Amino acid sequence: MKTSSITRVLAVSALAAAALAPAQPALAAEEQFFDPDVACPDFVLGFLPTGGILHTKEFKDRNGNVVRILTAGKGTLNTYTNYGPDPLNRVAGKSVSIRTDGSVTSIKVNPDDTLTYTTTGHFGLIMYPSDVPAGPSTTQYIGRIVFDVDLATGVFTLVSTRGSAVDVCAKLAN
């Protein structure tokens, strides 16, 4: 499954989705599906964020261009599910739900068509095989992470992490 970089980060973070609106009450999301070897090795990963109350503020330069987006609030309940190896015949297997009790995401809009995300609190990140470091991986963090998104190529580059991390794929592996 090919997902644009913006769609991917919105789906995974559930916080960045609020960047599209001034304030967003509880999220009503649809489950996202990632083919085997995209988000997790060997199985289709389902991701469903629910709940959450998010607030977003855009900061603009003197020309009216958005240069930073700040999103904060009560996080979501992120449910990850192993749907087995066949993307056409998904069979729900093991699931894990992780509460994301709160976080702050700052998105810096760079002049070179990249975004720099700095998150504190709870944040889920899916890394594809084309990313740096190469996935497939799905990790739920508590702490601080920084990553860049190249809007031209869709490549995510993990810059740094501090805090704890849960390897979601390992928790769901049968």
N, C-alpha and C. Protein backbone atom coordinates (compact mmCIF):
# COMPACT_ATOMS: atom_id res chain seq x y z
N MET A 1 0.85 -1.17 0.00
CA MET A 1 0.00 0.00 0.00
C MET A 1 0.89 1.23 0.00
N LYS A 2 0.69 2.11 -0.93
CA LYS A 2 1.46 3.34 -1.02
C LYS A 2 0.65 4.45 -0.38
N THR A 3 1.18 5.07 0.66
CA THR A 3 0.52 6.14 1.36
C THR A 3 1.42 7.36 1.32
N SER A 4 0.87 8.53 1.03
CA SER A 4 1.69 9.73 0.99
C SER A 4 2.28 10.01 2.35
N SER A 5 3.37 10.74 2.38
CA SER A 5 4.04 11.02 3.63
C SER A 5 3.13 11.77 4.60
N ILE A 6 2.36 12.70 4.13
CA ILE A 6 1.47 13.44 5.02
C ILE A 6 0.39 12.53 5.57
N THR A 7 -0.23 11.71 4.73
CA THR A 7 -1.26 10.78 5.19
C THR A 7 -0.68 9.84 6.23
N ARG A 8 0.52 9.36 5.98
CA ARG A 8 1.14 8.42 6.92
C ARG A 8 1.36 9.04 8.27
N VAL A 9 1.92 10.21 8.32
CA VAL A 9 2.18 10.82 9.61
C VAL A 9 0.89 11.20 10.31
N LEU A 10 -0.13 11.59 9.56
CA LEU A 10 -1.42 11.88 10.18
C LEU A 10 -2.01 10.62 10.78
N ALA A 11 -1.96 9.54 10.05
CA ALA A 11 -2.53 8.29 10.53
C ALA A 11 -1.81 7.79 11.76
N VAL A 12 -0.51 7.89 11.77
CA VAL A 12 0.25 7.33 12.87
C VAL A 12 0.20 8.21 14.10
N SER A 13 0.34 9.48 13.95
CA SER A 13 0.42 10.35 15.12
C SER A 13 -0.92 10.65 15.73
N ALA A 14 -1.95 10.73 14.89
CA ALA A 14 -3.29 11.14 15.31
C ALA A 14 -3.28 12.56 15.86
N LEU A 15 -2.13 13.09 16.21
CA LEU A 15 -2.04 14.47 16.66
C LEU A 15 -1.89 15.41 15.49
N ALA A 16 -1.09 15.04 14.55
CA ALA A 16 -0.84 15.92 13.43
C ALA A 16 -2.08 16.14 12.60
N ALA A 17 -3.06 15.27 12.71
CA ALA A 17 -4.31 15.46 11.97
C ALA A 17 -4.95 16.79 12.34
N ALA A 18 -4.74 17.21 13.55
CA ALA A 18 -5.33 18.47 13.98
C ALA A 18 -4.67 19.66 13.30
N ALA A 19 -3.57 19.44 12.64
CA ALA A 19 -2.90 20.53 11.94
C ALA A 19 -3.77 21.07 10.80
N LEU A 20 -4.79 20.35 10.44
CA LEU A 20 -5.66 20.77 9.35
C LEU A 20 -6.83 21.63 9.83
N ALA A 21 -7.01 21.74 11.14
CA ALA A 21 -8.13 22.51 11.67
C ALA A 21 -7.70 23.22 12.96
N PRO A 22 -8.33 24.36 13.29
CA PRO A 22 -7.94 25.09 14.49
C PRO A 22 -8.12 24.30 15.78
N ALA A 23 -9.15 23.54 15.89
CA ALA A 23 -9.36 22.69 17.07
C ALA A 23 -10.15 21.49 16.61
N GLN A 24 -9.82 20.35 17.19
CA GLN A 24 -10.49 19.12 16.76
C GLN A 24 -10.93 18.36 17.98
N PRO A 25 -12.24 18.10 18.13
CA PRO A 25 -12.69 17.29 19.25
C PRO A 25 -12.32 15.82 19.02
N ALA A 26 -12.92 14.96 19.77
CA ALA A 26 -12.63 13.53 19.69
C ALA A 26 -12.54 13.06 18.23
N LEU A 27 -11.47 12.35 17.93
CA LEU A 27 -11.25 11.87 16.57
C LEU A 27 -12.17 10.70 16.23
N ALA A 28 -12.73 10.74 15.06
CA ALA A 28 -13.49 9.62 14.54
C ALA A 28 -12.73 9.13 13.32
N ALA A 29 -11.88 8.17 13.53
CA ALA A 29 -10.98 7.74 12.47
C ALA A 29 -11.41 6.40 11.90
N GLU A 30 -10.97 6.16 10.68
CA GLU A 30 -11.12 4.84 10.08
C GLU A 30 -9.81 4.09 10.28
N GLU A 31 -9.92 2.78 10.37
CA GLU A 31 -8.72 1.98 10.52
C GLU A 31 -7.89 2.07 9.24
N GLN A 32 -6.59 2.26 9.40
CA GLN A 32 -5.64 2.29 8.30
C GLN A 32 -5.00 0.90 8.20
N PHE A 33 -4.74 0.45 6.99
CA PHE A 33 -4.10 -0.86 6.79
C PHE A 33 -2.81 -0.67 6.02
N PHE A 34 -1.77 -1.36 6.48
CA PHE A 34 -0.45 -1.31 5.85
C PHE A 34 -0.06 -2.73 5.44
N ASP A 35 0.23 -2.93 4.16
CA ASP A 35 0.58 -4.24 3.63
C ASP A 35 1.80 -4.83 4.34
N PRO A 36 1.96 -6.16 4.27
CA PRO A 36 3.15 -6.80 4.85
C PRO A 36 4.42 -6.14 4.32
N ASP A 37 5.40 -6.02 5.18
CA ASP A 37 6.72 -5.48 4.87
C ASP A 37 6.70 -3.98 4.58
N VAL A 38 5.61 -3.30 4.94
CA VAL A 38 5.55 -1.83 4.84
C VAL A 38 5.69 -1.22 6.23
N ALA A 39 4.83 -1.64 7.16
CA ALA A 39 4.86 -1.12 8.52
C ALA A 39 5.39 -2.15 9.52
N CYS A 40 5.18 -3.41 9.23
CA CYS A 40 5.67 -4.52 10.04
C CYS A 40 6.10 -5.65 9.10
N PRO A 41 7.14 -6.38 9.47
CA PRO A 41 7.54 -7.50 8.62
C PRO A 41 6.48 -8.61 8.65
N ASP A 42 6.17 -9.14 7.51
CA ASP A 42 5.41 -10.39 7.39
C ASP A 42 3.91 -10.33 7.65
N PHE A 43 3.33 -9.20 8.05
CA PHE A 43 1.88 -9.18 8.25
C PHE A 43 1.29 -7.81 7.97
N VAL A 44 -0.01 -7.82 7.65
CA VAL A 44 -0.77 -6.59 7.46
C VAL A 44 -0.97 -5.96 8.84
N LEU A 45 -0.62 -4.69 8.97
CA LEU A 45 -0.83 -3.97 10.22
C LEU A 45 -2.06 -3.09 10.07
N GLY A 46 -2.98 -3.21 11.03
CA GLY A 46 -4.11 -2.29 11.13
C GLY A 46 -3.82 -1.28 12.22
N PHE A 47 -4.19 -0.03 11.98
CA PHE A 47 -3.97 1.03 12.96
C PHE A 47 -5.25 1.85 13.08
N LEU A 48 -5.75 2.00 14.32
CA LEU A 48 -6.98 2.75 14.56
C LEU A 48 -6.80 3.64 15.79
N PRO A 49 -6.72 4.97 15.56
CA PRO A 49 -6.71 5.90 16.70
C PRO A 49 -8.14 6.33 17.01
N THR A 50 -8.53 6.34 18.28
CA THR A 50 -9.87 6.80 18.66
C THR A 50 -9.75 7.77 19.83
N GLY A 51 -10.76 8.62 19.94
CA GLY A 51 -10.79 9.61 21.02
C GLY A 51 -9.83 10.75 20.74
N GLY A 52 -9.44 11.42 21.77
CA GLY A 52 -8.49 12.52 21.65
C GLY A 52 -9.17 13.86 21.47
N ILE A 53 -8.66 14.84 22.15
CA ILE A 53 -9.11 16.22 21.97
C ILE A 53 -7.85 17.05 21.72
N LEU A 54 -7.78 17.61 20.53
CA LEU A 54 -6.56 18.25 20.07
C LEU A 54 -6.80 19.72 19.74
N HIS A 55 -5.81 20.52 19.98
CA HIS A 55 -5.86 21.94 19.65
C HIS A 55 -4.64 22.29 18.83
N THR A 56 -4.85 23.09 17.79
CA THR A 56 -3.77 23.42 16.87
C THR A 56 -3.69 24.93 16.67
N LYS A 57 -2.47 25.40 16.59
CA LYS A 57 -2.25 26.81 16.28
C LYS A 57 -1.20 26.89 15.18
N GLU A 58 -1.50 27.67 14.16
CA GLU A 58 -0.55 27.91 13.07
C GLU A 58 0.15 29.23 13.31
N PHE A 59 1.45 29.25 13.03
CA PHE A 59 2.24 30.46 13.11
C PHE A 59 2.68 30.83 11.71
N LYS A 60 2.47 32.09 11.34
CA LYS A 60 2.78 32.54 9.99
C LYS A 60 3.86 33.62 10.01
N ASP A 61 4.60 33.69 8.91
CA ASP A 61 5.57 34.78 8.78
C ASP A 61 4.85 36.05 8.31
N ARG A 62 5.58 37.11 8.13
CA ARG A 62 4.95 38.39 7.77
C ARG A 62 4.28 38.36 6.38
N ASN A 63 4.63 37.34 5.56
CA ASN A 63 4.01 37.20 4.25
C ASN A 63 2.78 36.29 4.27
N GLY A 64 2.44 35.79 5.44
CA GLY A 64 1.27 34.93 5.56
C GLY A 64 1.54 33.45 5.34
N ASN A 65 2.81 33.07 5.19
CA ASN A 65 3.17 31.66 4.99
C ASN A 65 3.26 30.95 6.34
N VAL A 66 2.69 29.76 6.42
CA VAL A 66 2.79 28.97 7.64
C VAL A 66 4.24 28.51 7.81
N VAL A 67 4.81 28.80 8.98
CA VAL A 67 6.19 28.40 9.25
C VAL A 67 6.28 27.39 10.39
N ARG A 68 5.23 27.28 11.20
CA ARG A 68 5.22 26.31 12.31
C ARG A 68 3.78 26.00 12.64
N ILE A 69 3.55 24.75 13.03
CA ILE A 69 2.23 24.30 13.47
C ILE A 69 2.44 23.62 14.82
N LEU A 70 1.66 24.00 15.80
CA LEU A 70 1.77 23.43 17.14
C LEU A 70 0.45 22.75 17.47
N THR A 71 0.51 21.47 17.84
CA THR A 71 -0.67 20.70 18.21
C THR A 71 -0.46 20.11 19.59
N ALA A 72 -1.45 20.25 20.46
CA ALA A 72 -1.35 19.71 21.82
C ALA A 72 -2.73 19.28 22.28
N GLY A 73 -2.74 18.38 23.26
CA GLY A 73 -4.01 17.99 23.84
C GLY A 73 -4.01 16.58 24.36
N LYS A 74 -5.22 16.11 24.68
CA LYS A 74 -5.41 14.75 25.16
C LYS A 74 -5.25 13.81 23.97
N GLY A 75 -4.43 12.83 24.13
CA GLY A 75 -4.13 11.91 23.05
C GLY A 75 -5.25 10.93 22.75
N THR A 76 -4.92 9.95 21.95
CA THR A 76 -5.88 8.95 21.48
C THR A 76 -5.59 7.59 22.10
N LEU A 77 -6.51 6.69 21.89
CA LEU A 77 -6.25 5.28 22.16
C LEU A 77 -5.85 4.69 20.81
N ASN A 78 -4.60 4.28 20.69
CA ASN A 78 -4.09 3.72 19.44
C ASN A 78 -4.18 2.20 19.51
N THR A 79 -4.95 1.63 18.59
CA THR A 79 -5.08 0.17 18.53
C THR A 79 -4.38 -0.33 17.27
N TYR A 80 -3.44 -1.25 17.47
CA TYR A 80 -2.68 -1.87 16.40
C TYR A 80 -3.10 -3.34 16.33
N THR A 81 -3.33 -3.86 15.12
CA THR A 81 -3.80 -5.24 14.96
C THR A 81 -3.00 -5.95 13.88
N ASN A 82 -2.64 -7.20 14.16
CA ASN A 82 -1.99 -8.08 13.19
C ASN A 82 -3.11 -8.76 12.39
N TYR A 83 -3.19 -8.47 11.08
CA TYR A 83 -4.21 -9.05 10.21
C TYR A 83 -3.67 -10.18 9.34
N GLY A 84 -2.55 -10.75 9.71
CA GLY A 84 -2.02 -11.88 8.97
C GLY A 84 -1.28 -11.47 7.71
N PRO A 85 -0.74 -12.45 6.99
CA PRO A 85 0.15 -12.17 5.87
C PRO A 85 -0.52 -11.82 4.55
N ASP A 86 -1.83 -12.08 4.41
CA ASP A 86 -2.49 -11.89 3.11
C ASP A 86 -3.28 -10.58 3.09
N PRO A 87 -2.82 -9.58 2.31
CA PRO A 87 -3.53 -8.30 2.28
C PRO A 87 -4.93 -8.38 1.69
N LEU A 88 -5.23 -9.43 0.92
CA LEU A 88 -6.56 -9.57 0.32
C LEU A 88 -7.52 -10.36 1.19
N ASN A 89 -7.00 -11.12 2.13
CA ASN A 89 -7.83 -11.95 3.01
C ASN A 89 -7.40 -11.70 4.45
N ARG A 90 -7.71 -10.51 4.94
CA ARG A 90 -7.29 -10.11 6.29
C ARG A 90 -8.05 -10.88 7.35
N VAL A 91 -7.32 -11.45 8.28
CA VAL A 91 -7.91 -12.15 9.41
C VAL A 91 -7.33 -11.53 10.67
N ALA A 92 -8.20 -10.91 11.49
CA ALA A 92 -7.73 -10.24 12.69
C ALA A 92 -7.11 -11.23 13.65
N GLY A 93 -5.92 -10.90 14.09
CA GLY A 93 -5.22 -11.71 15.09
C GLY A 93 -5.01 -10.88 16.34
N LYS A 94 -3.80 -10.95 16.84
CA LYS A 94 -3.45 -10.25 18.06
C LYS A 94 -3.57 -8.74 17.88
N SER A 95 -4.08 -8.06 18.92
CA SER A 95 -4.18 -6.60 18.94
C SER A 95 -3.54 -6.07 20.21
N VAL A 96 -3.06 -4.85 20.14
CA VAL A 96 -2.57 -4.16 21.32
C VAL A 96 -3.09 -2.73 21.25
N SER A 97 -3.61 -2.23 22.37
CA SER A 97 -4.08 -0.86 22.45
C SER A 97 -3.19 -0.09 23.42
N ILE A 98 -2.79 1.10 23.00
CA ILE A 98 -1.88 1.93 23.79
C ILE A 98 -2.53 3.29 23.99
N ARG A 99 -2.71 3.67 25.25
CA ARG A 99 -3.24 5.00 25.56
C ARG A 99 -2.15 6.03 25.33
N THR A 100 -2.50 7.11 24.68
CA THR A 100 -1.55 8.21 24.48
C THR A 100 -2.13 9.41 25.21
N ASP A 101 -1.84 9.48 26.49
CA ASP A 101 -2.53 10.41 27.38
C ASP A 101 -2.28 11.88 27.10
N GLY A 102 -1.31 12.20 26.34
CA GLY A 102 -1.08 13.60 26.02
C GLY A 102 0.24 13.78 25.31
N SER A 103 0.29 14.81 24.50
CA SER A 103 1.53 15.10 23.80
C SER A 103 1.45 16.46 23.13
N VAL A 104 2.61 16.90 22.71
CA VAL A 104 2.73 18.15 21.97
C VAL A 104 3.55 17.85 20.73
N THR A 105 3.08 18.31 19.58
CA THR A 105 3.81 18.15 18.33
C THR A 105 4.03 19.53 17.72
N SER A 106 5.29 19.82 17.46
CA SER A 106 5.66 21.05 16.77
C SER A 106 6.16 20.66 15.38
N ILE A 107 5.55 21.25 14.36
CA ILE A 107 5.94 20.96 12.98
C ILE A 107 6.53 22.24 12.40
N LYS A 108 7.81 22.20 12.08
CA LYS A 108 8.47 23.34 11.46
C LYS A 108 8.42 23.15 9.94
N VAL A 109 7.91 24.15 9.24
CA VAL A 109 7.85 24.11 7.78
C VAL A 109 9.15 24.75 7.27
N ASN A 110 9.97 23.94 6.63
CA ASN A 110 11.29 24.40 6.18
C ASN A 110 11.22 24.92 4.74
N PRO A 111 12.10 25.85 4.38
CA PRO A 111 12.09 26.41 3.02
C PRO A 111 12.42 25.40 1.92
N ASP A 112 13.03 24.26 2.29
CA ASP A 112 13.43 23.27 1.29
C ASP A 112 12.38 22.20 1.06
N ASP A 113 11.11 22.48 1.37
CA ASP A 113 10.01 21.52 1.20
C ASP A 113 10.15 20.29 2.09
N THR A 114 10.67 20.50 3.28
CA THR A 114 10.68 19.45 4.29
C THR A 114 9.95 19.96 5.52
N LEU A 115 9.53 19.02 6.34
CA LEU A 115 8.92 19.34 7.62
C LEU A 115 9.78 18.71 8.70
N THR A 116 9.99 19.43 9.80
CA THR A 116 10.68 18.86 10.95
C THR A 116 9.68 18.74 12.08
N TYR A 117 9.43 17.50 12.51
CA TYR A 117 8.53 17.20 13.61
C TYR A 117 9.34 17.05 14.88
N THR A 118 8.92 17.72 15.94
CA THR A 118 9.47 17.51 17.27
C THR A 118 8.28 17.18 18.16
N THR A 119 8.28 16.00 18.72
CA THR A 119 7.15 15.56 19.54
C THR A 119 7.62 15.27 20.95
N THR A 120 6.79 15.60 21.91
CA THR A 120 7.03 15.22 23.30
C THR A 120 5.77 14.58 23.82
N GLY A 121 5.94 13.59 24.67
CA GLY A 121 4.81 12.82 25.17
C GLY A 121 4.69 11.52 24.42
N HIS A 122 3.50 11.18 23.99
CA HIS A 122 3.21 9.90 23.33
C HIS A 122 3.11 10.12 21.82
N PHE A 123 3.75 9.23 21.05
CA PHE A 123 3.73 9.39 19.60
C PHE A 123 4.04 8.05 18.94
N GLY A 124 3.24 7.66 17.95
CA GLY A 124 3.50 6.44 17.19
C GLY A 124 4.10 6.81 15.85
N LEU A 125 5.10 6.05 15.41
CA LEU A 125 5.78 6.35 14.15
C LEU A 125 6.00 5.08 13.35
N ILE A 126 5.54 5.11 12.10
CA ILE A 126 5.76 3.99 11.17
C ILE A 126 6.87 4.39 10.22
N MET A 127 7.87 3.54 10.11
CA MET A 127 8.98 3.76 9.18
C MET A 127 8.89 2.72 8.07
N TYR A 128 8.86 3.21 6.82
CA TYR A 128 8.79 2.36 5.63
C TYR A 128 10.19 1.90 5.22
N PRO A 129 10.29 0.92 4.33
CA PRO A 129 11.60 0.47 3.84
C PRO A 129 12.39 1.59 3.15
N SER A 130 11.73 2.60 2.62
CA SER A 130 12.43 3.70 1.95
C SER A 130 12.90 4.79 2.92
N ASP A 131 12.56 4.68 4.19
CA ASP A 131 12.91 5.70 5.18
C ASP A 131 14.32 5.49 5.72
N VAL A 132 14.74 6.44 6.58
CA VAL A 132 16.05 6.39 7.22
C VAL A 132 15.83 6.50 8.72
N PRO A 133 16.13 5.47 9.52
CA PRO A 133 16.57 4.15 9.09
C PRO A 133 15.43 3.39 8.41
N ALA A 134 15.82 2.45 7.59
CA ALA A 134 14.85 1.70 6.79
C ALA A 134 13.95 0.83 7.67
N GLY A 135 12.65 0.86 7.37
CA GLY A 135 11.70 -0.02 8.01
C GLY A 135 11.68 -1.35 7.30
N PRO A 136 10.69 -2.14 7.51
CA PRO A 136 9.45 -1.80 8.17
C PRO A 136 9.58 -1.82 9.69
N SER A 137 9.01 -0.79 10.31
CA SER A 137 8.94 -0.77 11.77
C SER A 137 7.78 0.13 12.20
N THR A 138 7.20 -0.23 13.32
CA THR A 138 6.17 0.59 13.95
C THR A 138 6.52 0.68 15.42
N THR A 139 6.72 1.91 15.89
CA THR A 139 7.18 2.12 17.25
C THR A 139 6.29 3.16 17.93
N GLN A 140 5.89 2.85 19.15
CA GLN A 140 5.13 3.79 19.96
C GLN A 140 6.10 4.34 21.00
N TYR A 141 6.33 5.65 20.96
CA TYR A 141 7.29 6.31 21.84
C TYR A 141 6.60 7.04 22.98
N ILE A 142 7.30 7.13 24.10
CA ILE A 142 6.96 8.06 25.18
C ILE A 142 8.25 8.79 25.48
N GLY A 143 8.24 10.08 25.27
CA GLY A 143 9.45 10.88 25.46
C GLY A 143 9.50 11.98 24.43
N ARG A 144 10.65 12.07 23.76
CA ARG A 144 10.84 13.11 22.75
C ARG A 144 11.44 12.48 21.51
N ILE A 145 10.86 12.75 20.35
CA ILE A 145 11.45 12.30 19.10
C ILE A 145 11.45 13.46 18.11
N VAL A 146 12.44 13.42 17.23
CA VAL A 146 12.55 14.41 16.17
C VAL A 146 12.73 13.63 14.87
N PHE A 147 11.95 14.00 13.84
CA PHE A 147 12.13 13.40 12.53
C PHE A 147 11.78 14.41 11.46
N ASP A 148 12.37 14.22 10.29
CA ASP A 148 12.12 15.07 9.14
C ASP A 148 11.31 14.31 8.11
N VAL A 149 10.48 15.03 7.36
CA VAL A 149 9.70 14.46 6.27
C VAL A 149 10.02 15.27 5.02
N ASP A 150 10.53 14.60 4.00
CA ASP A 150 10.79 15.24 2.71
C ASP A 150 9.51 15.13 1.89
N LEU A 151 8.85 16.25 1.65
CA LEU A 151 7.56 16.22 0.95
C LEU A 151 7.71 15.82 -0.51
N ALA A 152 8.87 16.04 -1.11
CA ALA A 152 9.08 15.68 -2.51
C ALA A 152 9.23 14.17 -2.69
N THR A 153 9.92 13.51 -1.76
CA THR A 153 10.18 12.07 -1.90
C THR A 153 9.32 11.21 -0.99
N GLY A 154 8.74 11.80 0.05
CA GLY A 154 7.98 11.04 1.03
C GLY A 154 8.84 10.31 2.04
N VAL A 155 10.14 10.56 2.04
CA VAL A 155 11.05 9.86 2.94
C VAL A 155 11.04 10.52 4.32
N PHE A 156 10.90 9.69 5.34
CA PHE A 156 11.03 10.12 6.72
C PHE A 156 12.46 9.83 7.16
N THR A 157 13.05 10.74 7.91
CA THR A 157 14.38 10.53 8.48
C THR A 157 14.29 10.76 9.98
N LEU A 158 14.52 9.70 10.74
CA LEU A 158 14.51 9.80 12.19
C LEU A 158 15.79 10.48 12.63
N VAL A 159 15.68 11.59 13.34
CA VAL A 159 16.84 12.38 13.75
C VAL A 159 17.29 11.98 15.15
N SER A 160 16.34 11.88 16.10
CA SER A 160 16.72 11.52 17.46
C SER A 160 15.50 11.03 18.24
N THR A 161 15.79 10.25 19.29
CA THR A 161 14.75 9.80 20.21
C THR A 161 15.32 9.86 21.63
N ARG A 162 14.45 10.13 22.58
CA ARG A 162 14.83 10.10 23.99
C ARG A 162 13.61 9.65 24.77
N GLY A 163 13.75 8.66 25.61
CA GLY A 163 12.63 8.14 26.38
C GLY A 163 12.47 6.65 26.11
N SER A 164 11.24 6.16 26.26
CA SER A 164 10.99 4.73 26.07
C SER A 164 10.31 4.49 24.73
N ALA A 165 10.48 3.28 24.23
CA ALA A 165 9.92 2.90 22.95
C ALA A 165 9.38 1.48 23.02
N VAL A 166 8.21 1.26 22.39
CA VAL A 166 7.61 -0.07 22.31
C VAL A 166 7.62 -0.49 20.85
N ASP A 167 8.24 -1.64 20.56
CA ASP A 167 8.25 -2.20 19.21
C ASP A 167 6.90 -2.89 19.00
N VAL A 168 5.99 -2.20 18.31
CA VAL A 168 4.63 -2.70 18.12
C VAL A 168 4.64 -4.00 17.30
N CYS A 169 5.47 -4.06 16.28
CA CYS A 169 5.52 -5.27 15.44
C CYS A 169 5.91 -6.50 16.26
N ALA A 170 6.88 -6.35 17.15
CA ALA A 170 7.30 -7.47 17.98
C ALA A 170 6.17 -7.90 18.93
N LYS A 171 5.42 -6.94 19.47
CA LYS A 171 4.31 -7.28 20.36
C LYS A 171 3.20 -8.04 19.64
N LEU A 172 3.05 -7.78 18.32
CA LEU A 172 1.97 -8.40 17.56
C LEU A 172 2.38 -9.66 16.82
N ALA A 173 3.65 -9.92 16.74
CA ALA A 173 4.12 -11.10 16.00
C ALA A 173 3.57 -12.37 16.64
N ASN A 174 3.12 -13.30 15.80
CA ASN A 174 2.55 -14.56 16.32
C ASN A 174 3.62 -15.59 16.57
